[in-house]
Amino acid sequence: MKDIDQISGDVLDLAMRLHRELGPGLLESAYETLLAARLAAAGYDVLRQYAVSVEFDGVRIENAFRVDLLVDQRLVVEIKSIDRLAPVHGKQLLTYLRLLKQPVGLLINFGGATLKEGVKRVVNSHTPSALSAPLREQKILPHTRASNQE
């Protein structure tokens, strides 16, 4: 089993190659589809548009969010195709990591001139406190698979 650093390194390597070959300008879904296919060809289990339902304060929220890519059930990859990442994009990924109880995620923006300026590694170092008791009590419900490897 590969460790999370090796998985994220492979994802970044394939994403950089993809960006060099195609450049910016395509829709997010195109980069997502192609990156997922290349990861699958490299032997990774890749889920696209992975729907996650959550329960919070006794209320179930179906399909509360979708993860662009979930690699080997461990690495959350959020893909963008915009001019520049905003702070909210990193916060969004961190929320996904917290709700999924995953340690690491990658935010990859294919919209810039170079991919290097559009990559952010996000680490979930959240430790629950007494003030965040409602977060501690929430539970993630079984996920649904929107689409598999394509």
Protein backbone atom coordinates (compact mmCIF):
# COMPACT_ATOMS: atom_id res chain seq x y z
CA MET A 1 0.00 0.00 0.00
CA LYS A 2 1.39 3.38 -1.01
CA ASP A 3 1.67 6.10 1.60
CA ILE A 4 -0.20 9.36 1.19
CA ASP A 5 2.92 11.29 0.16
CA GLN A 6 3.64 8.87 -2.67
CA ILE A 7 0.01 9.01 -3.84
CA SER A 8 -0.04 12.82 -3.79
CA GLY A 9 3.32 12.92 -5.58
CA ASP A 10 1.98 10.67 -8.34
CA VAL A 11 -1.18 12.80 -8.66
CA LEU A 12 0.87 15.98 -8.96
CA ASP A 13 3.25 14.43 -11.48
CA LEU A 14 0.38 13.30 -13.71
CA ALA A 15 -1.41 16.65 -13.30
CA MET A 16 1.73 18.56 -14.32
CA ARG A 17 2.18 16.40 -17.41
CA LEU A 18 -1.47 16.89 -18.31
CA HIS A 19 -1.22 20.66 -17.91
CA ARG A 20 1.96 20.80 -20.02
CA GLU A 21 0.26 18.82 -22.79
CA LEU A 22 -3.08 20.66 -22.80
CA GLY A 23 -2.46 24.03 -21.20
CA PRO A 24 -5.18 26.11 -19.50
CA GLY A 25 -8.61 26.82 -20.91
CA LEU A 26 -10.59 23.60 -20.72
CA LEU A 27 -13.51 23.03 -18.40
CA GLU A 28 -12.80 21.59 -14.97
CA SER A 29 -14.65 18.41 -15.94
CA ALA A 30 -12.24 17.77 -18.82
CA TYR A 31 -9.17 17.93 -16.57
CA GLU A 32 -10.96 15.82 -13.96
CA THR A 33 -11.85 13.13 -16.49
CA LEU A 34 -8.37 12.98 -17.99
CA LEU A 35 -6.55 13.01 -14.65
CA ALA A 36 -8.84 10.26 -13.33
CA ALA A 37 -8.15 8.15 -16.42
CA ARG A 38 -4.38 8.57 -16.09
CA LEU A 39 -4.49 7.72 -12.39
CA ALA A 40 -6.57 4.62 -13.11
CA ALA A 41 -4.09 3.59 -15.82
CA ALA A 42 -1.32 3.96 -13.21
CA GLY A 43 -3.13 1.46 -11.00
CA TYR A 44 -5.01 3.72 -8.62
CA ASP A 45 -8.61 3.28 -7.50
CA VAL A 46 -10.22 6.56 -8.54
CA LEU A 47 -13.74 7.74 -7.83
CA ARG A 48 -15.06 10.81 -9.64
CA GLN A 49 -17.74 13.13 -8.27
CA TYR A 50 -17.93 11.08 -5.10
CA ALA A 51 -21.19 12.08 -3.38
CA VAL A 52 -21.06 12.41 0.39
CA SER A 53 -24.08 12.60 2.68
CA VAL A 54 -23.71 13.84 6.24
CA GLU A 55 -25.79 13.93 9.37
CA PHE A 56 -25.53 16.98 11.60
CA ASP A 57 -27.70 17.86 14.58
CA GLY A 58 -29.99 14.96 13.70
CA VAL A 59 -30.58 16.22 10.16
CA ARG A 60 -29.46 14.11 7.25
CA ILE A 61 -28.18 16.05 4.26
CA GLU A 62 -28.17 13.92 1.13
CA ASN A 63 -25.31 14.66 -1.24
CA ALA A 64 -24.01 17.46 0.99
CA PHE A 65 -21.00 17.74 -1.28
CA ARG A 66 -19.12 15.94 -4.02
CA VAL A 67 -15.42 15.25 -4.02
CA ASP A 68 -13.95 15.76 -7.50
CA LEU A 69 -11.57 12.82 -7.11
CA LEU A 70 -11.02 10.36 -4.30
CA VAL A 71 -7.82 8.42 -4.93
CA ASP A 72 -7.34 5.04 -3.22
CA GLN A 73 -10.06 5.99 -0.69
CA ARG A 74 -7.47 8.26 0.97
CA LEU A 75 -6.53 11.33 -1.03
CA VAL A 76 -9.12 14.02 -1.74
CA VAL A 77 -8.40 16.00 -4.92
CA GLU A 78 -10.33 19.17 -5.67
CA ILE A 79 -9.88 20.44 -9.23
CA LYS A 80 -10.40 23.98 -10.48
CA SER A 81 -9.98 25.65 -13.87
CA ILE A 82 -10.00 29.34 -12.99
CA ASP A 83 -7.63 32.32 -13.29
CA ARG A 84 -6.52 32.26 -9.66
CA LEU A 85 -7.31 30.29 -6.52
CA ALA A 86 -9.09 32.18 -3.75
CA PRO A 87 -8.74 31.49 -0.01
CA VAL A 88 -12.26 30.01 0.01
CA HIS A 89 -11.08 27.12 -2.20
CA GLY A 90 -8.59 25.95 0.43
CA LYS A 91 -11.23 26.32 3.13
CA GLN A 92 -13.66 24.26 1.08
CA LEU A 93 -11.14 21.44 0.74
CA LEU A 94 -10.31 21.58 4.45
CA THR A 95 -14.02 21.22 5.27
CA TYR A 96 -14.22 18.18 2.99
CA LEU A 97 -11.19 16.66 4.73
CA ARG A 98 -12.66 17.25 8.18
CA LEU A 99 -16.04 15.76 7.27
CA LEU A 100 -14.40 12.74 5.61
CA LYS A 101 -11.85 12.43 8.42
CA GLN A 102 -9.03 12.38 5.87
CA PRO A 103 -5.60 13.85 6.60
CA VAL A 104 -4.51 15.33 3.26
CA GLY A 105 -6.00 16.82 0.14
CA LEU A 106 -4.77 18.49 -3.02
CA LEU A 107 -6.24 21.58 -4.60
CA ILE A 108 -5.17 21.72 -8.25
CA ASN A 109 -5.96 24.66 -10.52
CA PHE A 110 -5.45 23.95 -14.22
CA GLY A 111 -6.44 27.52 -15.19
CA GLY A 112 -3.09 29.24 -14.70
CA ALA A 113 -0.19 29.63 -17.10
CA THR A 114 1.77 27.06 -15.07
CA LEU A 115 0.42 24.41 -12.77
CA LYS A 116 3.04 25.12 -10.11
CA GLU A 117 1.28 28.34 -9.11
CA GLY A 118 -2.05 26.53 -8.89
CA VAL A 119 -1.29 23.68 -6.50
CA LYS A 120 -2.04 23.71 -2.80
CA ARG A 121 -1.59 20.82 -0.39
CA VAL A 122 -4.11 21.05 2.45
CA VAL A 123 -3.56 19.21 5.71
CA ASN A 124 -6.37 18.46 8.15
CA SER A 125 -4.83 19.08 11.56
CA HIS A 126 -8.17 19.71 13.23
CA THR A 127 -8.44 18.58 16.83
CA PRO A 128 -11.91 18.80 18.36
CA SER A 129 -12.39 21.10 21.33
CA ALA A 130 -15.25 21.57 23.76
CA LEU A 131 -16.48 24.46 21.59
CA SER A 132 -16.72 22.21 18.52
CA ALA A 133 -18.73 19.46 20.18
CA PRO A 134 -21.40 19.49 17.44
CA LEU A 135 -18.68 18.73 14.89
CA ARG A 136 -17.37 15.88 17.01
CA GLU A 137 -20.82 14.39 17.24
CA GLN A 138 -21.60 14.43 13.54
CA LYS A 139 -21.18 11.25 11.65
CA ILE A 140 -20.50 10.68 8.02
CA LEU A 141 -23.01 8.38 6.41
CA PRO A 142 -22.21 5.78 3.79
CA HIS A 143 -21.08 7.38 0.58
CA THR A 144 -22.69 6.93 -2.77
CA ARG A 145 -20.69 6.46 -5.89
CA ALA A 146 -21.62 9.04 -8.54
CA SER A 147 -19.28 7.58 -11.11
CA ASN A 148 -16.47 5.13 -11.10
CA GLN A 149 -13.27 5.05 -13.08
CA GLU A 150 -13.88 6.26 -16.58
